[in-house]
Amino acid sequence: MKSIDSLKSIDSLKSLAFWLHLLGFSLKSKQFQCQKIKYITVLFCFLYFSGLLPLSGKGNSKRDFPLLDSEQILFITAKPGETYGFLDFYTLTEGEWAPVFEKIPVRLGRNGLIREEEKREGDGHTPAGIFPLQRIVGKKKREIRNLEYNEIRKNSHWSDSPISKNYNQMIPYPEKGAVSLWDPYIYELFFVIEHNTKPALPGFGSMIFLHPWNEDKPTSGCVGVSKEILDTIISKLDGNKHPSFFIQILD
């Protein structure tokens, strides 16, 4: 087995397949097939030891390490500075990772991806990191397997004012600096990307969602995708599988 120092010297995700092979994995038909331990655990260790994934950063805690027990992962990837990216949705079924879909185009913030600890309010960046998928918000009544769902009402707002005690929280009333969720089509249905939510540190970014987007321009910092894709994801999600977002800046 290679030493941790050797792992730390890796500077590209291109080496991932090699290290998975050393740890008892095979790569076949774009699926990682587990032979000794879970692929996700190995991926997490690889990213950590190679310096691609910090254990903690300002604005979001990594205490629960969401990828370690995830059996459903939404991968969102893009090159530095790009406002276009791709979404891949994988789920673990009977011990094998299988794609629900791959290479779905998405739009990102007007300034592309940035490491989550560097994200700031209004900077136009989409935060890169690992986030649990725990909450979905929408206008229609829905039942989603084992996941929290919040139905939007006419007075539903989300605060993006760093000076508010409700910063980066959904609230049932209007206030200064809060955005109405009732009218814009982008809030008809959205997944909360849990950046800077628990706790919400003033100024470190708010309202980071995966939401509908049909415009030919970047977002303000969210991830935009077609409404049809969101509906497909919802039909497959199961909270008992601990779904997570893995948002990564590619080399």
Protein backbone atom coordinates (compact mmCIF):
# COMPACT_ATOMS: atom_id res chain seq x y z
CA MET A 1 0.00 0.00 0.00
CA LYS A 2 1.27 3.46 -0.90
CA SER A 3 2.03 5.89 1.91
CA ILE A 4 -0.10 8.88 2.85
CA ASP A 5 2.74 11.12 1.63
CA SER A 6 2.39 9.51 -1.79
CA LEU A 7 -1.34 10.13 -1.73
CA LYS A 8 -0.78 13.78 -0.87
CA SER A 9 1.41 14.20 -3.93
CA ILE A 10 -1.46 13.42 -6.29
CA ASP A 11 -2.59 16.56 -8.09
CA SER A 12 -5.33 15.31 -10.36
CA LEU A 13 -8.51 13.26 -10.20
CA LYS A 14 -7.15 11.37 -13.21
CA SER A 15 -5.22 9.24 -10.72
CA LEU A 16 -8.41 8.12 -8.98
CA ALA A 17 -8.89 4.94 -11.01
CA PHE A 18 -5.32 3.83 -10.22
CA TRP A 19 -5.78 4.28 -6.48
CA LEU A 20 -9.16 2.58 -6.53
CA HIS A 21 -7.47 -0.38 -8.23
CA LEU A 22 -4.86 -0.53 -5.46
CA LEU A 23 -7.61 -0.48 -2.86
CA GLY A 24 -9.57 -3.28 -4.47
CA PHE A 25 -11.83 -1.68 -7.04
CA SER A 26 -12.38 -2.21 -10.73
CA LEU A 27 -13.65 0.32 -13.24
CA LYS A 28 -16.11 -1.16 -15.74
CA SER A 29 -18.73 0.48 -17.92
CA LYS A 30 -18.29 3.76 -16.05
CA GLN A 31 -19.37 2.06 -12.82
CA PHE A 32 -17.19 1.56 -9.77
CA GLN A 33 -17.72 -1.97 -8.52
CA CYS A 34 -16.96 -2.49 -4.84
CA GLN A 35 -14.80 -5.48 -3.89
CA LYS A 36 -13.50 -4.61 -0.43
CA ILE A 37 -14.95 -1.33 0.88
CA LYS A 38 -17.43 1.25 -0.35
CA TYR A 39 -16.35 3.34 -3.31
CA ILE A 40 -17.63 6.51 -1.69
CA THR A 41 -15.42 6.03 1.36
CA VAL A 42 -12.39 5.56 -0.89
CA LEU A 43 -13.33 8.60 -2.95
CA PHE A 44 -13.63 10.71 0.19
CA CYS A 45 -10.23 9.54 1.47
CA PHE A 46 -8.66 10.15 -1.93
CA LEU A 47 -9.97 13.70 -2.10
CA TYR A 48 -8.92 14.45 1.47
CA PHE A 49 -5.40 13.04 1.30
CA SER A 50 -4.76 14.62 -2.10
CA GLY A 51 -5.77 18.01 -0.72
CA LEU A 52 -8.79 18.40 -2.98
CA LEU A 53 -11.28 18.32 -0.13
CA PRO A 54 -10.82 20.22 3.13
CA LEU A 55 -12.38 18.73 6.25
CA SER A 56 -13.81 22.07 7.22
CA GLY A 57 -14.15 25.60 5.99
CA LYS A 58 -15.76 28.86 6.94
CA GLY A 59 -19.47 28.84 6.30
CA ASN A 60 -20.16 25.13 6.47
CA SER A 61 -19.23 22.28 8.79
CA LYS A 62 -18.03 18.88 7.59
CA ARG A 63 -18.64 17.17 10.90
CA ASP A 64 -21.05 14.65 9.45
CA PHE A 65 -19.07 13.92 6.22
CA PRO A 66 -22.18 13.39 4.03
CA LEU A 67 -20.48 11.30 1.32
CA LEU A 68 -19.42 8.55 3.70
CA ASP A 69 -22.85 6.92 3.82
CA SER A 70 -24.39 8.33 0.64
CA GLU A 71 -26.01 5.87 -1.74
CA GLN A 72 -27.26 8.58 -4.09
CA ILE A 73 -24.96 11.33 -5.36
CA LEU A 74 -25.55 14.32 -7.61
CA PHE A 75 -22.18 15.15 -9.18
CA ILE A 76 -21.90 18.71 -10.54
CA THR A 77 -18.64 19.51 -12.29
CA ALA A 78 -17.15 22.40 -14.25
CA LYS A 79 -13.79 23.83 -15.22
CA PRO A 80 -12.44 26.92 -13.43
CA GLY A 81 -14.28 30.09 -14.42
CA GLU A 82 -16.83 28.27 -16.58
CA THR A 83 -20.51 29.09 -16.18
CA TYR A 84 -21.55 25.86 -17.91
CA GLY A 85 -21.22 22.53 -16.13
CA PHE A 86 -22.58 19.00 -16.10
CA LEU A 87 -24.79 17.03 -13.73
CA ASP A 88 -24.47 13.28 -13.21
CA PHE A 89 -26.84 11.38 -10.92
CA TYR A 90 -25.66 8.02 -9.57
CA THR A 91 -27.41 5.64 -7.20
CA LEU A 92 -26.16 2.54 -5.41
CA THR A 93 -28.33 -0.47 -6.23
CA GLU A 94 -27.56 -3.99 -5.03
CA GLY A 95 -23.96 -3.04 -4.32
CA GLU A 96 -23.26 -1.40 -7.68
CA TRP A 97 -23.21 2.25 -8.70
CA ALA A 98 -25.47 2.89 -11.67
CA PRO A 99 -26.19 6.15 -13.51
CA VAL A 100 -29.72 7.53 -13.48
CA PHE A 101 -28.46 10.04 -16.04
CA GLU A 102 -25.12 11.52 -17.08
CA LYS A 103 -23.76 14.73 -18.64
CA ILE A 104 -26.86 16.85 -18.15
CA PRO A 105 -25.98 20.50 -18.95
CA VAL A 106 -26.36 22.98 -16.09
CA ARG A 107 -25.75 26.70 -15.66
CA LEU A 108 -23.68 28.02 -12.78
CA GLY A 109 -23.04 31.41 -11.17
CA ARG A 110 -21.79 34.20 -13.41
CA ASN A 111 -18.26 33.78 -12.01
CA GLY A 112 -18.21 29.97 -12.00
CA LEU A 113 -17.30 27.63 -9.16
CA ILE A 114 -15.29 28.56 -6.07
CA ARG A 115 -14.21 26.58 -3.02
CA GLU A 116 -17.00 26.83 -0.48
CA GLU A 117 -14.83 28.43 2.22
CA GLU A 118 -14.07 31.28 -0.21
CA LYS A 119 -17.69 31.92 -1.14
CA ARG A 120 -19.07 35.36 -0.23
CA GLU A 121 -22.49 36.98 -0.48
CA GLY A 122 -23.11 38.52 -3.91
CA ASP A 123 -19.85 37.35 -5.51
CA GLY A 124 -21.60 35.47 -8.32
CA HIS A 125 -19.85 32.19 -7.53
CA THR A 126 -21.35 28.75 -7.01
CA PRO A 127 -19.73 27.03 -4.00
CA ALA A 128 -17.86 23.78 -4.64
CA GLY A 129 -17.84 21.12 -1.95
CA ILE A 130 -19.85 18.26 -0.51
CA PHE A 131 -23.34 18.97 0.80
CA PRO A 132 -26.12 16.71 2.06
CA LEU A 133 -29.40 16.82 0.13
CA GLN A 134 -31.91 17.12 2.96
CA ARG A 135 -34.55 19.65 1.90
CA ILE A 136 -36.71 20.25 -1.14
CA VAL A 137 -39.00 23.25 -1.52
CA GLY A 138 -41.84 23.77 -4.00
CA LYS A 139 -45.29 25.19 -4.70
CA LYS A 140 -47.17 21.93 -5.17
CA LYS A 141 -48.02 19.36 -2.55
CA ARG A 142 -45.59 16.48 -2.88
CA GLU A 143 -44.51 13.40 -1.04
CA ILE A 144 -40.82 12.62 -1.37
CA ARG A 145 -39.47 9.45 0.12
CA ASN A 146 -37.94 10.15 3.52
CA LEU A 147 -36.91 13.74 2.70
CA GLU A 148 -38.08 17.04 4.15
CA TYR A 149 -40.40 18.91 1.80
CA ASN A 150 -41.53 22.50 2.43
CA GLU A 151 -44.50 23.82 0.49
CA ILE A 152 -44.28 27.47 -0.56
CA ARG A 153 -47.06 29.84 0.52
CA LYS A 154 -47.79 33.36 -0.71
CA ASN A 155 -45.79 34.91 2.13
CA SER A 156 -42.85 32.51 1.91
CA HIS A 157 -39.51 34.33 1.69
CA TRP A 158 -35.81 33.50 1.97
CA SER A 159 -33.50 35.98 3.66
CA ASP A 160 -30.24 36.87 1.92
CA SER A 161 -29.46 39.88 4.11
CA PRO A 162 -26.31 39.26 6.18
CA ILE A 163 -27.54 41.65 8.87
CA SER A 164 -30.79 39.76 9.42
CA LYS A 165 -31.18 37.25 12.24
CA ASN A 166 -32.89 35.09 9.60
CA TYR A 167 -29.95 35.16 7.18
CA ASN A 168 -30.05 32.23 4.76
CA GLN A 169 -33.27 30.87 6.21
CA MET A 170 -36.72 30.32 4.76
CA ILE A 171 -39.26 32.46 6.63
CA PRO A 172 -43.09 32.68 6.43
CA TYR A 173 -43.24 36.48 6.18
CA PRO A 174 -41.60 39.36 4.25
CA GLU A 175 -38.75 41.38 5.70
CA LYS A 176 -36.10 43.76 4.40
CA GLY A 177 -33.57 41.87 2.30
CA ALA A 178 -35.73 38.77 1.95
CA VAL A 179 -36.64 37.33 -1.46
CA SER A 180 -40.19 36.26 -2.24
CA LEU A 181 -40.45 32.61 -3.28
CA TRP A 182 -43.99 32.87 -4.61
CA ASP A 183 -43.74 34.40 -8.10
CA PRO A 184 -40.40 33.54 -9.76
CA TYR A 185 -40.55 30.34 -11.80
CA ILE A 186 -37.10 29.35 -10.51
CA TYR A 187 -38.62 28.71 -7.09
CA GLU A 188 -41.47 26.54 -8.35
CA LEU A 189 -39.34 23.59 -7.24
CA PHE A 190 -35.81 23.63 -5.84
CA PHE A 191 -33.33 21.56 -3.88
CA VAL A 192 -31.46 23.29 -1.06
CA ILE A 193 -27.67 22.97 -1.40
CA GLU A 194 -26.75 23.17 2.28
CA HIS A 195 -24.01 25.76 1.96
CA ASN A 196 -23.69 28.04 5.00
CA THR A 197 -26.95 26.89 6.52
CA LYS A 198 -26.14 25.28 9.88
CA PRO A 199 -24.97 27.67 11.13
CA ALA A 200 -25.44 30.55 8.71
CA LEU A 201 -22.44 32.85 9.05
CA PRO A 202 -23.15 36.44 7.94
CA GLY A 203 -21.77 37.23 4.50
CA PHE A 204 -20.59 33.74 3.57
CA GLY A 205 -23.30 33.14 0.96
CA SER A 206 -27.00 32.36 0.91
CA MET A 207 -29.79 30.94 -1.23
CA ILE A 208 -27.71 28.29 -2.99
CA PHE A 209 -30.15 25.98 -4.74
CA LEU A 210 -30.54 23.52 -7.61
CA HIS A 211 -33.50 25.07 -9.38
CA PRO A 212 -35.24 25.34 -12.77
CA TRP A 213 -33.46 27.49 -15.33
CA ASN A 214 -34.41 28.09 -18.96
CA GLU A 215 -32.44 31.25 -19.66
CA ASP A 216 -29.36 31.56 -21.84
CA LYS A 217 -27.25 33.22 -19.17
CA PRO A 218 -25.54 32.29 -15.90
CA THR A 219 -27.29 32.30 -12.54
CA SER A 220 -26.39 34.50 -9.57
CA GLY A 221 -24.77 31.54 -7.81
CA CYS A 222 -27.23 28.68 -7.90
CA VAL A 223 -27.17 25.64 -10.18
CA GLY A 224 -29.78 25.85 -12.92
CA VAL A 225 -31.21 22.90 -14.84
CA SER A 226 -34.40 22.00 -16.69
CA LYS A 227 -37.56 21.42 -14.65
CA GLU A 228 -37.93 17.99 -16.27
CA ILE A 229 -34.60 16.88 -14.85
CA LEU A 230 -35.64 18.01 -11.36
CA ASP A 231 -38.83 15.97 -11.65
CA THR A 232 -36.81 12.91 -12.67
CA ILE A 233 -34.46 13.34 -9.73
CA ILE A 234 -37.38 13.61 -7.30
CA SER A 235 -38.90 10.40 -8.62
CA LYS A 236 -35.67 8.54 -7.79
CA LEU A 237 -34.63 10.18 -4.51
CA ASP A 238 -34.86 8.37 -1.20
CA GLY A 239 -33.82 10.06 2.02
CA ASN A 240 -32.84 6.71 3.50
CA LYS A 241 -30.06 6.59 0.92
CA HIS A 242 -28.58 9.82 2.32
CA PRO A 243 -28.37 11.71 -1.01
CA SER A 244 -25.60 14.27 -1.37
CA PHE A 245 -24.30 16.93 -3.74
CA PHE A 246 -20.68 16.65 -4.84
CA ILE A 247 -19.77 19.92 -6.59
CA GLN A 248 -16.23 19.84 -7.98
CA ILE A 249 -13.92 22.17 -9.87
CA LEU A 250 -12.16 20.15 -12.58
CA ASP A 251 -8.47 20.51 -13.42
